[in-house]
Amino acid sequence: MQEERVNINLLKMQYEEMDCKQLRKIRSHYRIELMKLQKVLKKKGKRNEEKCQHIWQKDMSARGGRSHYDCKKCGLYR
């Protein structure tokens, strides 16, 4: 646990010493990685919804008197 704190402090010090170009490059890299992960999660979610044998449950929450249905298993909205 103490090693983690040391590593975090070291990273903070390195981060503070970086210039704008380096920070922009790192942010861009992580933004791209985040977008890739979001795409993978979306694909897997769709695949999960397609394979699901839906059990629809009516939801009458405050929607101006209109109801909708949610799948109990995968959370798909209809």
N, C-alpha and C. Protein backbone atom coordinates (compact mmCIF):
# COMPACT_ATOMS: atom_id res chain seq x y z
N MET A 1 0.82 -1.19 0.00
CA MET A 1 0.00 0.00 0.00
C MET A 1 0.87 1.26 0.00
N GLN A 2 1.94 1.21 0.77
CA GLN A 2 2.83 2.36 0.82
C GLN A 2 3.53 2.56 -0.51
N GLU A 3 3.85 1.45 -1.20
CA GLU A 3 4.48 1.54 -2.51
C GLU A 3 3.56 2.24 -3.51
N GLU A 4 2.24 1.97 -3.42
CA GLU A 4 1.28 2.62 -4.30
C GLU A 4 1.28 4.12 -4.09
N ARG A 5 1.34 4.54 -2.83
CA ARG A 5 1.37 5.98 -2.52
C ARG A 5 2.63 6.62 -3.08
N VAL A 6 3.74 5.93 -2.97
CA VAL A 6 5.00 6.46 -3.50
C VAL A 6 4.89 6.60 -5.01
N ASN A 7 4.34 5.57 -5.68
CA ASN A 7 4.18 5.63 -7.14
C ASN A 7 3.24 6.76 -7.54
N ILE A 8 2.17 6.95 -6.81
CA ILE A 8 1.22 8.02 -7.12
C ILE A 8 1.90 9.37 -6.95
N ASN A 9 2.66 9.54 -5.87
CA ASN A 9 3.37 10.81 -5.66
C ASN A 9 4.39 11.05 -6.77
N LEU A 10 5.06 10.01 -7.20
CA LEU A 10 6.03 10.12 -8.28
C LEU A 10 5.34 10.54 -9.57
N LEU A 11 4.19 9.93 -9.86
CA LEU A 11 3.44 10.30 -11.05
C LEU A 11 2.97 11.74 -10.98
N LYS A 12 2.54 12.19 -9.82
CA LYS A 12 2.10 13.58 -9.65
C LYS A 12 3.24 14.53 -9.94
N MET A 13 4.42 14.21 -9.43
CA MET A 13 5.59 15.07 -9.65
C MET A 13 5.94 15.11 -11.14
N GLN A 14 5.90 13.96 -11.81
CA GLN A 14 6.19 13.91 -13.23
C GLN A 14 5.15 14.70 -14.02
N TYR A 15 3.91 14.59 -13.63
CA TYR A 15 2.82 15.29 -14.31
C TYR A 15 3.01 16.80 -14.20
N GLU A 16 3.40 17.27 -13.02
CA GLU A 16 3.58 18.70 -12.80
C GLU A 16 4.74 19.27 -13.60
N GLU A 17 5.71 18.42 -13.93
CA GLU A 17 6.89 18.89 -14.67
C GLU A 17 6.69 18.87 -16.18
N MET A 18 5.60 18.31 -16.66
CA MET A 18 5.37 18.20 -18.10
C MET A 18 4.95 19.53 -18.68
N ASP A 19 5.31 19.74 -19.94
CA ASP A 19 4.86 20.96 -20.61
C ASP A 19 3.53 20.69 -21.33
N CYS A 20 2.97 21.71 -21.92
CA CYS A 20 1.65 21.62 -22.55
C CYS A 20 1.60 20.59 -23.68
N LYS A 21 2.65 20.53 -24.50
CA LYS A 21 2.64 19.60 -25.62
C LYS A 21 2.59 18.15 -25.13
N GLN A 22 3.36 17.85 -24.12
CA GLN A 22 3.37 16.48 -23.58
C GLN A 22 2.02 16.13 -23.00
N LEU A 23 1.42 17.05 -22.25
CA LEU A 23 0.10 16.81 -21.66
C LEU A 23 -0.96 16.62 -22.74
N ARG A 24 -0.90 17.42 -23.78
CA ARG A 24 -1.87 17.30 -24.87
C ARG A 24 -1.74 15.94 -25.55
N LYS A 25 -0.50 15.48 -25.73
CA LYS A 25 -0.26 14.19 -26.36
C LYS A 25 -0.81 13.05 -25.50
N ILE A 26 -0.58 13.12 -24.19
CA ILE A 26 -1.08 12.09 -23.27
C ILE A 26 -2.60 12.09 -23.25
N ARG A 27 -3.21 13.27 -23.16
CA ARG A 27 -4.68 13.36 -23.14
C ARG A 27 -5.26 12.79 -24.42
N SER A 28 -4.64 13.10 -25.55
CA SER A 28 -5.12 12.59 -26.83
C SER A 28 -5.05 11.07 -26.86
N HIS A 29 -3.94 10.52 -26.40
CA HIS A 29 -3.77 9.07 -26.37
C HIS A 29 -4.86 8.41 -25.53
N TYR A 30 -5.09 8.93 -24.32
CA TYR A 30 -6.07 8.31 -23.44
C TYR A 30 -7.50 8.53 -23.94
N ARG A 31 -7.73 9.65 -24.62
CA ARG A 31 -9.06 9.88 -25.19
C ARG A 31 -9.35 8.84 -26.27
N ILE A 32 -8.34 8.56 -27.10
CA ILE A 32 -8.49 7.55 -28.15
C ILE A 32 -8.74 6.18 -27.54
N GLU A 33 -7.98 5.83 -26.51
CA GLU A 33 -8.16 4.54 -25.84
C GLU A 33 -9.55 4.44 -25.22
N LEU A 34 -10.02 5.53 -24.62
CA LEU A 34 -11.35 5.55 -24.02
C LEU A 34 -12.42 5.34 -25.08
N MET A 35 -12.27 5.97 -26.23
CA MET A 35 -13.25 5.81 -27.31
C MET A 35 -13.27 4.36 -27.80
N LYS A 36 -12.09 3.72 -27.89
CA LYS A 36 -12.03 2.32 -28.30
C LYS A 36 -12.77 1.43 -27.30
N LEU A 37 -12.54 1.68 -26.01
CA LEU A 37 -13.22 0.88 -24.98
C LEU A 37 -14.73 1.08 -25.01
N GLN A 38 -15.17 2.32 -25.22
CA GLN A 38 -16.60 2.59 -25.30
C GLN A 38 -17.22 1.86 -26.48
N LYS A 39 -16.50 1.81 -27.60
CA LYS A 39 -17.00 1.10 -28.78
C LYS A 39 -17.14 -0.39 -28.51
N VAL A 40 -16.14 -0.97 -27.84
CA VAL A 40 -16.18 -2.39 -27.50
C VAL A 40 -17.35 -2.68 -26.56
N LEU A 41 -17.54 -1.83 -25.54
CA LEU A 41 -18.63 -2.03 -24.59
C LEU A 41 -19.99 -1.93 -25.28
N LYS A 42 -20.12 -0.98 -26.20
CA LYS A 42 -21.38 -0.82 -26.92
C LYS A 42 -21.69 -2.06 -27.76
N LYS A 43 -20.65 -2.58 -28.44
CA LYS A 43 -20.81 -3.79 -29.26
C LYS A 43 -21.23 -4.98 -28.40
N LYS A 44 -20.55 -5.16 -27.28
CA LYS A 44 -20.86 -6.29 -26.40
C LYS A 44 -22.26 -6.14 -25.81
N GLY A 45 -22.66 -4.91 -25.49
CA GLY A 45 -24.00 -4.67 -24.97
C GLY A 45 -25.07 -5.02 -25.98
N LYS A 46 -24.85 -4.62 -27.24
CA LYS A 46 -25.80 -4.96 -28.30
C LYS A 46 -25.90 -6.46 -28.49
N ARG A 47 -24.73 -7.12 -28.49
CA ARG A 47 -24.71 -8.58 -28.65
C ARG A 47 -25.47 -9.24 -27.51
N ASN A 48 -25.29 -8.74 -26.31
CA ASN A 48 -25.98 -9.27 -25.14
C ASN A 48 -27.50 -9.09 -25.27
N GLU A 49 -27.91 -7.92 -25.73
CA GLU A 49 -29.34 -7.65 -25.91
C GLU A 49 -29.95 -8.54 -26.99
N GLU A 50 -29.18 -8.81 -28.05
CA GLU A 50 -29.69 -9.66 -29.13
C GLU A 50 -29.85 -11.11 -28.68
N LYS A 51 -28.98 -11.59 -27.82
CA LYS A 51 -29.04 -12.97 -27.35
C LYS A 51 -30.05 -13.17 -26.22
N CYS A 52 -30.45 -12.09 -25.59
CA CYS A 52 -31.32 -12.16 -24.41
C CYS A 52 -32.72 -12.65 -24.78
N GLN A 53 -33.26 -13.51 -23.93
CA GLN A 53 -34.66 -13.89 -24.05
C GLN A 53 -35.42 -12.95 -23.12
N HIS A 54 -35.88 -11.85 -23.69
CA HIS A 54 -36.41 -10.73 -22.91
C HIS A 54 -37.62 -11.11 -22.05
N ILE A 55 -37.62 -10.57 -20.86
CA ILE A 55 -38.77 -10.63 -19.97
C ILE A 55 -39.15 -9.18 -19.72
N TRP A 56 -40.22 -8.74 -20.38
CA TRP A 56 -40.61 -7.34 -20.34
C TRP A 56 -41.41 -7.03 -19.08
N GLN A 57 -41.07 -5.89 -18.49
CA GLN A 57 -41.77 -5.43 -17.29
C GLN A 57 -42.22 -4.00 -17.55
N LYS A 58 -43.49 -3.74 -17.31
CA LYS A 58 -44.05 -2.42 -17.55
C LYS A 58 -43.56 -1.44 -16.48
N ASP A 59 -43.15 -0.26 -16.92
CA ASP A 59 -42.68 0.78 -16.00
C ASP A 59 -43.60 1.98 -16.14
N MET A 60 -44.29 2.32 -15.07
CA MET A 60 -45.25 3.43 -15.09
C MET A 60 -44.70 4.66 -14.37
N SER A 61 -43.40 4.85 -14.36
CA SER A 61 -42.82 5.99 -13.66
C SER A 61 -43.25 7.29 -14.36
N ALA A 62 -42.95 8.42 -13.74
CA ALA A 62 -43.43 9.73 -14.20
C ALA A 62 -42.91 10.05 -15.60
N ARG A 63 -43.70 9.77 -16.59
CA ARG A 63 -43.36 10.10 -17.97
C ARG A 63 -44.58 10.74 -18.64
N GLY A 64 -45.23 11.60 -17.92
CA GLY A 64 -46.40 12.26 -18.47
C GLY A 64 -47.55 11.30 -18.70
N GLY A 65 -47.66 10.26 -17.88
CA GLY A 65 -48.74 9.31 -18.01
C GLY A 65 -48.48 8.20 -19.01
N ARG A 66 -47.38 8.25 -19.71
CA ARG A 66 -47.07 7.22 -20.70
C ARG A 66 -46.20 6.14 -20.06
N SER A 67 -46.43 4.92 -20.44
CA SER A 67 -45.66 3.81 -19.89
C SER A 67 -44.65 3.32 -20.92
N HIS A 68 -43.67 2.58 -20.45
CA HIS A 68 -42.74 1.90 -21.33
C HIS A 68 -42.36 0.57 -20.69
N TYR A 69 -41.66 -0.23 -21.43
CA TYR A 69 -41.27 -1.55 -20.94
C TYR A 69 -39.75 -1.67 -20.87
N ASP A 70 -39.28 -2.33 -19.83
CA ASP A 70 -37.86 -2.63 -19.66
C ASP A 70 -37.70 -4.13 -19.53
N CYS A 71 -36.62 -4.64 -20.10
CA CYS A 71 -36.30 -6.06 -19.94
C CYS A 71 -35.67 -6.25 -18.57
N LYS A 72 -36.17 -7.23 -17.82
CA LYS A 72 -35.63 -7.51 -16.49
C LYS A 72 -34.20 -8.04 -16.56
N LYS A 73 -33.86 -8.75 -17.63
CA LYS A 73 -32.55 -9.40 -17.73
C LYS A 73 -31.46 -8.46 -18.22
N CYS A 74 -31.69 -7.78 -19.35
CA CYS A 74 -30.60 -6.99 -19.97
C CYS A 74 -30.80 -5.48 -19.86
N GLY A 75 -32.00 -5.04 -19.46
CA GLY A 75 -32.25 -3.60 -19.29
C GLY A 75 -32.64 -2.89 -20.57
N LEU A 76 -32.91 -3.61 -21.64
CA LEU A 76 -33.31 -3.00 -22.90
C LEU A 76 -34.62 -2.24 -22.70
N TYR A 77 -34.72 -1.09 -23.35
CA TYR A 77 -35.87 -0.20 -23.23
C TYR A 77 -36.75 -0.34 -24.47
N ARG A 78 -38.07 -0.41 -24.23
CA ARG A 78 -39.00 -0.48 -25.37
C ARG A 78 -40.21 0.35 -25.06
